[in-house]
């Protein structure tokens, strides 16, 4: 179930989309009361779809949690560490490509696509963690 803030945001977004669609596709001859009824029904359907999607995600998380209960210990460690390990490896390669020429070691030749992938990984990991920490601080969640 969404929090009041996110619920209001979703409702206002859904409402705007529904209003635009109904204004465009409902016939002008339809009364305002009928249009309002159609808009209300469309909003209900959209919110029901959202709630179903959220329930699916929560169900998948619960299933993954249950499946991991009988898994070997190394897989549990992998589920927790794969993101930080991958990110720190990318950061290490990045730092090496910057510092290696200054300390007399050969650099790693990287193509533009390699650089973009590395930047993306670093930005998403460290930026994502910063957003998570800021959200915890602001909303008091841990």
C-alpha atoms as a PDB file:
ATOM      1  CA  UNK A   1       0.000   0.000   0.000  1.00  0.00           C
ATOM      2  CA  UNK A   2       1.505   3.362  -0.944  1.00  0.00           C
ATOM      3  CA  UNK A   3       2.271   5.951   1.675  1.00  0.00           C
ATOM      4  CA  UNK A   4      -0.037   8.992   1.737  1.00  0.00           C
ATOM      5  CA  UNK A   5       2.565  11.139  -0.045  1.00  0.00           C
ATOM      6  CA  UNK A   6       3.148   8.646  -2.837  1.00  0.00           C
ATOM      7  CA  UNK A   7      -0.539   7.740  -2.972  1.00  0.00           C
ATOM      8  CA  UNK A   8      -1.430  11.393  -3.503  1.00  0.00           C
ATOM      9  CA  UNK A   9       1.282  11.726  -6.133  1.00  0.00           C
ATOM     10  CA  UNK A  10       0.052   8.668  -8.002  1.00  0.00           C
ATOM     11  CA  UNK A  11      -3.567   9.782  -7.733  1.00  0.00           C
ATOM     12  CA  UNK A  12      -2.757  13.241  -9.075  1.00  0.00           C
ATOM     13  CA  UNK A  13      -0.683  11.770 -11.914  1.00  0.00           C
ATOM     14  CA  UNK A  14      -3.324   9.184 -12.758  1.00  0.00           C
ATOM     15  CA  UNK A  15      -5.951  11.888 -12.552  1.00  0.00           C
ATOM     16  CA  UNK A  16      -4.109  14.104 -15.024  1.00  0.00           C
ATOM     17  CA  UNK A  17      -3.623  11.250 -17.469  1.00  0.00           C
ATOM     18  CA  UNK A  18      -7.233  10.128 -17.172  1.00  0.00           C
ATOM     19  CA  UNK A  19      -8.470  13.686 -17.660  1.00  0.00           C
ATOM     20  CA  UNK A  20      -6.396  14.144 -20.824  1.00  0.00           C
ATOM     21  CA  UNK A  21      -7.466  10.811 -22.283  1.00  0.00           C
ATOM     22  CA  UNK A  22     -11.136  11.248 -21.489  1.00  0.00           C
ATOM     23  CA  UNK A  23     -11.169  14.818 -22.776  1.00  0.00           C
ATOM     24  CA  UNK A  24      -9.671  13.608 -26.040  1.00  0.00           C
ATOM     25  CA  UNK A  25     -11.657  10.411 -26.614  1.00  0.00           C
ATOM     26  CA  UNK A  26     -15.068  10.928 -25.028  1.00  0.00           C
ATOM     27  CA  UNK A  27     -17.611  12.460 -27.396  1.00  0.00           C
ATOM     28  CA  UNK A  28     -18.442  16.133 -26.846  1.00  0.00           C
ATOM     29  CA  UNK A  29     -22.137  15.244 -26.834  1.00  0.00           C
ATOM     30  CA  UNK A  30     -21.681  13.318 -23.565  1.00  0.00           C
ATOM     31  CA  UNK A  31     -22.952  15.111 -20.480  1.00  0.00           C
ATOM     32  CA  UNK A  32     -20.542  16.369 -17.826  1.00  0.00           C
ATOM     33  CA  UNK A  33     -22.027  13.896 -15.336  1.00  0.00           C
ATOM     34  CA  UNK A  34     -21.343  10.947 -17.669  1.00  0.00           C
ATOM     35  CA  UNK A  35     -17.803  12.205 -18.344  1.00  0.00           C
ATOM     36  CA  UNK A  36     -17.171  12.506 -14.607  1.00  0.00           C
ATOM     37  CA  UNK A  37     -18.438   8.943 -14.077  1.00  0.00           C
ATOM     38  CA  UNK A  38     -16.144   7.632 -16.817  1.00  0.00           C
ATOM     39  CA  UNK A  39     -13.174   9.546 -15.391  1.00  0.00           C
ATOM     40  CA  UNK A  40     -13.852   8.167 -11.920  1.00  0.00           C
ATOM     41  CA  UNK A  41     -14.087   4.614 -13.243  1.00  0.00           C
ATOM     42  CA  UNK A  42     -10.860   5.032 -15.236  1.00  0.00           C
ATOM     43  CA  UNK A  43      -9.073   6.310 -12.122  1.00  0.00           C
ATOM     44  CA  UNK A  44     -10.322   3.341 -10.114  1.00  0.00           C
ATOM     45  CA  UNK A  45      -9.099   0.939 -12.788  1.00  0.00           C
ATOM     46  CA  UNK A  46      -5.691   2.615 -12.974  1.00  0.00           C
ATOM     47  CA  UNK A  47      -5.261   2.552  -9.200  1.00  0.00           C
ATOM     48  CA  UNK A  48      -6.376  -1.091  -9.066  1.00  0.00           C
ATOM     49  CA  UNK A  49      -3.734  -1.883 -11.674  1.00  0.00           C
ATOM     50  CA  UNK A  50      -1.113  -0.045  -9.625  1.00  0.00           C
ATOM     51  CA  UNK A  51      -2.103  -1.909  -6.451  1.00  0.00           C
ATOM     52  CA  UNK A  52      -1.905  -5.208  -8.337  1.00  0.00           C
ATOM     53  CA  UNK A  53       1.577  -4.340  -9.595  1.00  0.00           C
ATOM     54  CA  UNK A  54       2.721  -3.443  -6.072  1.00  0.00           C
ATOM     55  CA  UNK A  55       1.277  -6.697  -4.729  1.00  0.00           C
ATOM     56  CA  UNK A  56       3.127  -8.621  -7.469  1.00  0.00           C
ATOM     57  CA  UNK A  57       6.422  -6.979  -6.523  1.00  0.00           C
ATOM     58  CA  UNK A  58       5.880  -7.695  -2.833  1.00  0.00           C
ATOM     59  CA  UNK A  59       4.942 -11.285  -3.647  1.00  0.00           C
ATOM     60  CA  UNK A  60       8.114 -11.692  -5.693  1.00  0.00           C
ATOM     61  CA  UNK A  61      10.197 -10.320  -2.812  1.00  0.00           C
ATOM     62  CA  UNK A  62       8.558 -12.715  -0.362  1.00  0.00           C
ATOM     63  CA  UNK A  63       9.124 -15.637  -2.724  1.00  0.00           C
ATOM     64  CA  UNK A  64      12.770 -14.689  -3.198  1.00  0.00           C
ATOM     65  CA  UNK A  65      13.168 -14.470   0.573  1.00  0.00           C
ATOM     66  CA  UNK A  66      11.629 -17.915   1.078  1.00  0.00           C
ATOM     67  CA  UNK A  67      13.759 -19.431  -1.676  1.00  0.00           C
ATOM     68  CA  UNK A  68      16.920 -18.014  -0.182  1.00  0.00           C
ATOM     69  CA  UNK A  69      16.236 -19.620   3.210  1.00  0.00           C
ATOM     70  CA  UNK A  70      17.458 -23.026   2.050  1.00  0.00           C
ATOM     71  CA  UNK A  71      20.246 -21.679  -0.128  1.00  0.00           C
ATOM     72  CA  UNK A  72      23.936 -22.141   0.681  1.00  0.00           C
ATOM     73  CA  UNK A  73      25.627 -19.377   2.656  1.00  0.00           C
ATOM     74  CA  UNK A  74      27.796 -18.182  -0.221  1.00  0.00           C
ATOM     75  CA  UNK A  75      24.699 -17.322  -2.293  1.00  0.00           C
ATOM     76  CA  UNK A  76      23.329 -15.193   0.522  1.00  0.00           C
ATOM     77  CA  UNK A  77      26.630 -13.334   0.691  1.00  0.00           C
ATOM     78  CA  UNK A  78      26.538 -12.860  -3.081  1.00  0.00           C
ATOM     79  CA  UNK A  79      23.061 -11.313  -2.995  1.00  0.00           C
ATOM     80  CA  UNK A  80      24.275  -8.686  -0.535  1.00  0.00           C
ATOM     81  CA  UNK A  81      27.733  -7.959  -1.939  1.00  0.00           C
ATOM     82  CA  UNK A  82      27.410  -8.103  -5.719  1.00  0.00           C
ATOM     83  CA  UNK A  83      26.460  -4.443  -6.099  1.00  0.00           C
ATOM     84  CA  UNK A  84      29.181  -2.993  -3.862  1.00  0.00           C
ATOM     85  CA  UNK A  85      31.859  -5.370  -5.175  1.00  0.00           C
ATOM     86  CA  UNK A  86      31.057  -4.568  -8.804  1.00  0.00           C
ATOM     87  CA  UNK A  87      30.977  -0.851  -8.047  1.00  0.00           C
ATOM     88  CA  UNK A  88      34.268  -0.844  -6.166  1.00  0.00           C
ATOM     89  CA  UNK A  89      35.926  -2.860  -8.946  1.00  0.00           C
ATOM     90  CA  UNK A  90      34.731  -0.255 -11.467  1.00  0.00           C
ATOM     91  CA  UNK A  91      35.939   2.549  -9.204  1.00  0.00           C
ATOM     92  CA  UNK A  92      39.317   0.813  -8.841  1.00  0.00           C
ATOM     93  CA  UNK A  93      39.710   0.470 -12.614  1.00  0.00           C
ATOM     94  CA  UNK A  94      38.731   4.102 -13.033  1.00  0.00           C
ATOM     95  CA  UNK A  95      41.263   5.269 -10.429  1.00  0.00           C
ATOM     96  CA  UNK A  96      43.941   3.055 -12.017  1.00  0.00           C
ATOM     97  CA  UNK A  97      43.356   4.583 -15.465  1.00  0.00           C
ATOM     98  CA  UNK A  98      43.793   8.042 -13.939  1.00  0.00           C
ATOM     99  CA  UNK A  99      46.793   7.371 -11.678  1.00  0.00           C
ATOM    100  CA  UNK A 100      48.772   4.712 -13.599  1.00  0.00           C
ATOM    101  CA  UNK A 101      50.445   7.120 -16.055  1.00  0.00           C
ATOM    102  CA  UNK A 102      51.597   9.360 -13.181  1.00  0.00           C
ATOM    103  CA  UNK A 103      53.219   6.532 -11.221  1.00  0.00           C
ATOM    104  CA  UNK A 104      54.890   4.916 -14.222  1.00  0.00           C
ATOM    105  CA  UNK A 105      52.592   1.925 -14.789  1.00  0.00           C
ATOM    106  CA  UNK A 106      50.828   1.089 -18.024  1.00  0.00           C
ATOM    107  CA  UNK A 107      47.262   2.310 -18.273  1.00  0.00           C
ATOM    108  CA  UNK A 108      44.292   0.197 -19.264  1.00  0.00           C
ATOM    109  CA  UNK A 109      43.157   1.116 -22.763  1.00  0.00           C
ATOM    110  CA  UNK A 110      39.424   1.737 -22.561  1.00  0.00           C
ATOM    111  CA  UNK A 111      37.003   2.442 -25.382  1.00  0.00           C
ATOM    112  CA  UNK A 112      34.316   5.068 -25.039  1.00  0.00           C
ATOM    113  CA  UNK A 113      31.668   2.422 -24.310  1.00  0.00           C
ATOM    114  CA  UNK A 114      33.803   0.986 -21.497  1.00  0.00           C
ATOM    115  CA  UNK A 115      34.138   4.431 -19.985  1.00  0.00           C
ATOM    116  CA  UNK A 116      30.402   5.050 -20.207  1.00  0.00           C
ATOM    117  CA  UNK A 117      29.608   1.711 -18.562  1.00  0.00           C
ATOM    118  CA  UNK A 118      32.042   2.425 -15.754  1.00  0.00           C
ATOM    119  CA  UNK A 119      30.618   5.896 -15.214  1.00  0.00           C
ATOM    120  CA  UNK A 120      27.096   4.521 -15.176  1.00  0.00           C
ATOM    121  CA  UNK A 121      27.945   1.860 -12.587  1.00  0.00           C
ATOM    122  CA  UNK A 122      29.744   4.351 -10.364  1.00  0.00           C
ATOM    123  CA  UNK A 123      26.996   6.958 -10.652  1.00  0.00           C
ATOM    124  CA  UNK A 124      24.185   4.488  -9.983  1.00  0.00           C
ATOM    125  CA  UNK A 125      25.870   2.829  -7.033  1.00  0.00           C
ATOM    126  CA  UNK A 126      27.190   5.853  -5.218  1.00  0.00           C
ATOM    127  CA  UNK A 127      24.346   8.125  -6.305  1.00  0.00           C
ATOM    128  CA  UNK A 128      21.759   5.493  -5.383  1.00  0.00           C
ATOM    129  CA  UNK A 129      23.325   4.938  -1.984  1.00  0.00           C
ATOM    130  CA  UNK A 130      23.382   8.695  -1.388  1.00  0.00           C
ATOM    131  CA  UNK A 131      19.682   8.948  -2.239  1.00  0.00           C
ATOM    132  CA  UNK A 132      18.902   5.981   0.023  1.00  0.00           C
ATOM    133  CA  UNK A 133      20.814   7.535   2.916  1.00  0.00           C
ATOM    134  CA  UNK A 134      19.195  10.943   2.359  1.00  0.00           C
ATOM    135  CA  UNK A 135      15.738   9.351   2.301  1.00  0.00           C
ATOM    136  CA  UNK A 136      16.497   7.498   5.534  1.00  0.00           C
ATOM    137  CA  UNK A 137      17.590  10.757   7.142  1.00  0.00           C
ATOM    138  CA  UNK A 138      14.621  12.754   5.901  1.00  0.00           C
ATOM    139  CA  UNK A 139      11.895  10.194   6.564  1.00  0.00           C
ATOM    140  CA  UNK A 140      13.569   8.488   9.523  1.00  0.00           C
ATOM    141  CA  UNK A 141      13.471   5.022   7.994  1.00  0.00           C
ATOM    142  CA  UNK A 142      16.283   2.557   8.393  1.00  0.00           C
END
